[in-house]
Every structure is written in C-alpha cells, then in structure tokens.
Amino acid sequence: MNDRLTAQLRFVVEIDKLKRITRQTYLMDRSRKENSAEHSWHIALMAVLLSEYAVPPGLDLFKVVRMALVHDLVEIDAGDALVYDQEARAAKVQAEARAAERIFALLPADQGGELRALWEEFEARRTTEARFAAALDRLQPILHNYHTDGAAWREHGVTADQVLQRNRHMAEGAPALWQVVLDLVRDAVDRGILAEARK
C-alpha cells in the first residue's frame, strides 16, 4: 500500500469510533439512545430529501451531505453534550477544536484540509449550505423527541422556551422547517409531553 492509501484507511478505521458515541436522543422506537454515526447518516439523508426547503434555493447539496457526515466526527474525542446544557456546550468548544486537529490530520493533507474546512464552515453557519445543514441537525432530535412523547426532553427537564430559543437559527436556513418545529412544539405542549417553561 502507498502512504496515501494507508492514511485514508487509518482514518476510515478511526471514524468507526463515532458509532460508540451515545447521544441523548432516543430512537423513535424508544429501544435505546442513538449514536452519533446514526445521527450523521440520518441528517445526510434528510438533506437529500428536504433540500427544496433550503433558503435561498440552489445550494450545493453535495456539500451539505458532506457537512452532515463530518460535522460530529470531533465527538470521537470530545464526546456528546446535551444541546440545552450551556455550561457543557461551552466547555466542549475547545475539546472539539483539539479533536478536529487530531482527527482530520490522520488523512492526507488535501483531504484532511477539505474535511476540516467543511467542519469549520458548519460550525460558523455563515454559508447557505452550513445554515441548512445546521437546521437539519436541530430538526432531527426534535422529531425524535416528538415521536417518543418527549422522552429525552422529560429526562432532562427541557422546556418549550428552551427548545425554541436554542433552535431559532433554523429559520435562517430553512424557514419552512422552522415552522414545522413551531407546530410540533405547540402540539407537544398541548399534549403535555413538553413543559412550556421552567417554574
């Protein structure tokens, strides 16, 4: 094997570790919590299916799919943090930067640089593609919570005001999908599976 292929295969072996990172989101059948690799696959396929709702239209769908597939690779080192836990999220920023440095450096420089740039673009949410990918990243766990009668929301004491506050950026990349979230949150509150606000 040549050096390039050796490095690529080393990366392929390393990213298998994403399958062992457990997220806070339950599978829709409630049998267990999903892992980060499953989450990444799910939003990549959502990008293919829902790209017509991106704003403005005409985005680079292949770039969105690649962002979806690489955006959580840093969790191999940094782990997952509950999106509503501000303290844990703040502490995770530096850990993710260190993880990106190590993980993407496993690849040949051209590929490692490309994937690192996609990860940074996703995190910054400055492009159409990044805003749409970020909207999908937030929609997916909301759908899971809604279809599990708020299992993770209730487990962590999450309220409707927190869901709306944390996810409002969805309106930038996919206003139609944000409207879906508003409707789901309203219905979840009405059904008693999501508390309206902390008491």
Protein backbone atom coordinates (compact mmCIF):
# COMPACT_ATOMS: atom_id res chain seq x y z
CA MET A 1 0.00 0.00 0.00
CA ASN A 2 1.14 3.54 -0.68
CA ASP A 3 1.29 6.18 2.05
CA ARG A 4 -1.86 7.96 0.86
CA LEU A 5 -3.99 4.83 0.97
CA THR A 6 -2.52 3.86 4.33
CA ALA A 7 -3.53 7.25 5.76
CA GLN A 8 -7.01 7.06 4.24
CA LEU A 9 -7.64 3.61 5.66
CA ARG A 10 -6.31 4.70 9.06
CA PHE A 11 -8.94 7.47 9.00
CA VAL A 12 -11.65 5.00 7.96
CA VAL A 13 -10.77 2.80 10.93
CA GLU A 14 -10.68 5.79 13.29
CA ILE A 15 -14.09 7.15 12.32
CA ASP A 16 -15.71 3.82 13.20
CA LYS A 17 -15.37 5.10 16.79
CA LEU A 18 -18.22 7.56 16.13
CA LYS A 19 -20.58 4.59 16.42
CA ARG A 20 -19.77 4.29 20.12
CA ILE A 21 -20.65 7.91 20.99
CA THR A 22 -24.10 7.81 22.57
CA ARG A 23 -26.30 10.86 22.14
CA GLN A 24 -29.16 12.00 24.38
CA THR A 25 -31.76 11.33 21.68
CA TYR A 26 -33.79 8.14 21.80
CA LEU A 27 -34.52 6.11 18.69
CA MET A 28 -38.12 6.60 17.66
CA ASP A 29 -39.00 3.11 18.88
CA ARG A 30 -37.51 4.11 22.29
CA SER A 31 -35.42 0.94 22.42
CA ARG A 32 -32.18 2.84 23.10
CA LYS A 33 -30.40 6.13 22.53
CA GLU A 34 -28.93 6.74 19.10
CA ASN A 35 -25.22 7.04 18.41
CA SER A 36 -23.55 9.93 16.62
CA ALA A 37 -22.88 7.95 13.45
CA GLU A 38 -26.58 7.15 13.14
CA HIS A 39 -27.42 10.81 13.69
CA SER A 40 -24.98 11.91 10.96
CA TRP A 41 -26.39 9.39 8.48
CA HIS A 42 -29.92 10.49 9.29
CA ILE A 43 -29.33 14.18 8.63
CA ALA A 44 -27.32 13.41 5.46
CA LEU A 45 -30.35 11.59 4.06
CA MET A 46 -32.66 14.34 5.32
CA ALA A 47 -30.55 16.80 3.30
CA VAL A 48 -31.20 14.81 0.14
CA LEU A 49 -34.92 14.59 0.84
CA LEU A 50 -35.55 18.12 2.14
CA SER A 51 -33.16 20.28 0.09
CA GLU A 52 -36.08 22.05 -1.61
CA TYR A 53 -36.73 23.83 1.72
CA ALA A 54 -33.30 25.46 1.91
CA VAL A 55 -33.21 29.25 1.65
CA PRO A 56 -32.11 30.58 -0.69
CA PRO A 57 -32.66 27.74 -3.16
CA GLY A 58 -29.89 26.34 -5.33
CA LEU A 59 -27.46 25.32 -2.63
CA ASP A 60 -24.62 22.82 -3.15
CA LEU A 61 -26.37 19.66 -1.92
CA PHE A 62 -23.22 17.54 -2.09
CA LYS A 63 -21.52 19.99 0.26
CA VAL A 64 -24.45 19.80 2.69
CA VAL A 65 -24.31 15.99 2.68
CA ARG A 66 -20.55 16.05 3.31
CA MET A 67 -21.04 18.52 6.18
CA ALA A 68 -23.69 16.26 7.67
CA LEU A 69 -21.35 13.30 7.52
CA VAL A 70 -18.34 15.05 9.09
CA HIS A 71 -19.91 17.57 11.49
CA ASP A 72 -19.83 15.28 14.53
CA LEU A 73 -16.56 13.40 13.89
CA VAL A 74 -14.98 15.55 16.61
CA GLU A 75 -17.19 13.75 19.13
CA ILE A 76 -14.84 10.76 18.81
CA ASP A 77 -12.56 12.70 21.18
CA ALA A 78 -14.85 15.37 22.64
CA GLY A 79 -17.94 13.26 23.29
CA ASP A 80 -21.52 14.50 23.12
CA ALA A 81 -23.09 17.19 25.28
CA LEU A 82 -26.75 17.93 25.81
CA VAL A 83 -27.59 20.80 23.49
CA TYR A 84 -29.55 22.55 26.27
CA ASP A 85 -26.69 22.38 28.79
CA GLN A 86 -24.94 25.70 28.18
CA GLU A 87 -22.07 25.01 30.57
CA ALA A 88 -21.24 21.64 28.98
CA ARG A 89 -21.53 23.12 25.47
CA ALA A 90 -19.13 25.95 26.32
CA ALA A 91 -16.58 23.53 27.76
CA LYS A 92 -16.83 21.37 24.67
CA VAL A 93 -15.73 24.06 22.20
CA GLN A 94 -12.00 23.75 22.93
CA ALA A 95 -12.21 19.96 23.15
CA GLU A 96 -13.80 19.87 19.70
CA ALA A 97 -11.10 22.13 18.24
CA ARG A 98 -8.39 19.81 19.60
CA ALA A 99 -10.31 16.81 18.26
CA ALA A 100 -10.58 18.37 14.80
CA GLU A 101 -6.83 18.97 14.78
CA ARG A 102 -6.06 15.33 15.58
CA ILE A 103 -8.75 13.53 13.59
CA PHE A 104 -8.53 15.41 10.30
CA ALA A 105 -4.71 15.26 10.44
CA LEU A 106 -4.95 11.48 10.05
CA LEU A 107 -5.82 11.99 6.39
CA PRO A 108 -3.52 13.12 3.58
CA ALA A 109 -3.19 16.91 3.84
CA ASP A 110 -5.50 17.74 0.92
CA GLN A 111 -8.37 15.59 2.18
CA GLY A 112 -7.82 16.45 5.83
CA GLY A 113 -7.84 20.15 5.00
CA GLU A 114 -11.02 19.80 2.96
CA LEU A 115 -12.92 17.94 5.69
CA ARG A 116 -11.64 20.30 8.38
CA ALA A 117 -12.86 23.25 6.30
CA LEU A 118 -16.30 21.64 5.97
CA TRP A 119 -16.45 21.12 9.74
CA GLU A 120 -15.44 24.75 10.38
CA GLU A 121 -17.97 26.00 7.82
CA PHE A 122 -20.72 24.01 9.54
CA GLU A 123 -19.76 25.39 12.95
CA ALA A 124 -19.67 29.01 11.70
CA ARG A 125 -23.08 28.82 9.92
CA ARG A 126 -22.15 31.66 7.56
CA THR A 127 -23.00 29.97 4.25
CA THR A 128 -26.31 28.78 2.82
CA GLU A 129 -25.09 25.19 2.98
CA ALA A 130 -23.97 25.47 6.60
CA ARG A 131 -27.20 27.14 7.72
CA PHE A 132 -29.27 24.43 6.03
CA ALA A 133 -27.13 21.61 7.46
CA ALA A 134 -27.41 23.19 10.92
CA ALA A 135 -31.20 23.41 10.56
CA LEU A 136 -31.37 19.70 9.77
CA ASP A 137 -29.05 18.94 12.68
CA ARG A 138 -31.56 20.60 15.02
CA LEU A 139 -34.72 19.29 13.34
CA GLN A 140 -33.70 15.64 13.67
CA PRO A 141 -33.63 15.41 17.50
CA ILE A 142 -36.83 17.47 17.74
CA LEU A 143 -38.56 14.91 15.51
CA HIS A 144 -37.17 12.14 17.71
CA ASN A 145 -38.41 13.81 20.87
CA TYR A 146 -41.83 14.50 19.41
CA HIS A 147 -42.25 10.89 18.24
CA THR A 148 -41.09 9.44 21.57
CA ASP A 149 -43.56 11.53 23.57
CA GLY A 150 -40.78 13.81 24.73
CA ALA A 151 -38.61 11.05 26.22
CA ALA A 152 -35.30 12.96 26.27
CA TRP A 153 -36.99 16.31 26.88
CA ARG A 154 -38.63 14.95 30.02
CA GLU A 155 -35.49 13.09 31.11
CA HIS A 156 -33.51 16.33 31.10
CA GLY A 157 -36.25 18.75 32.16
CA VAL A 158 -36.18 20.61 28.83
CA THR A 159 -38.93 23.16 28.26
CA ALA A 160 -40.60 24.63 25.18
CA ASP A 161 -38.94 28.01 25.68
CA GLN A 162 -35.52 26.30 25.71
CA VAL A 163 -36.31 24.35 22.53
CA LEU A 164 -37.42 27.49 20.71
CA GLN A 165 -34.53 29.62 21.98
CA ARG A 166 -31.81 27.06 21.17
CA ASN A 167 -33.13 26.21 17.72
CA ARG A 168 -34.39 29.55 16.38
CA HIS A 169 -31.42 29.76 13.97
CA MET A 170 -33.25 27.13 11.89
CA ALA A 171 -35.34 29.97 10.45
CA GLU A 172 -32.23 31.29 8.64
CA GLY A 173 -31.54 28.12 6.70
CA ALA A 174 -34.98 26.53 6.35
CA PRO A 175 -37.94 28.71 7.36
CA ALA A 176 -40.47 26.05 6.34
CA LEU A 177 -38.77 23.50 8.59
CA TRP A 178 -38.69 26.04 11.42
CA GLN A 179 -42.45 26.41 11.04
CA VAL A 180 -42.73 22.63 11.42
CA VAL A 181 -40.79 22.90 14.67
CA LEU A 182 -43.06 25.68 15.93
CA ASP A 183 -46.09 23.50 15.20
CA LEU A 184 -44.53 20.42 16.84
CA VAL A 185 -43.54 22.34 19.96
CA ARG A 186 -47.01 23.86 20.26
CA ASP A 187 -48.60 20.42 19.92
CA ALA A 188 -46.10 18.86 22.34
CA VAL A 189 -47.02 21.46 24.96
CA ASP A 190 -50.74 20.90 24.32
CA ARG A 191 -50.26 17.13 24.70
CA GLY A 192 -48.30 17.56 27.92
CA ILE A 193 -45.09 15.97 26.65
CA LEU A 194 -43.11 19.23 26.81
CA ALA A 195 -43.36 21.74 29.64
CA GLU A 196 -43.94 25.29 28.49
CA ALA A 197 -41.37 26.97 30.73
CA ARG A 198 -39.40 26.34 33.91
CA LYS A 199 -41.37 27.07 37.07
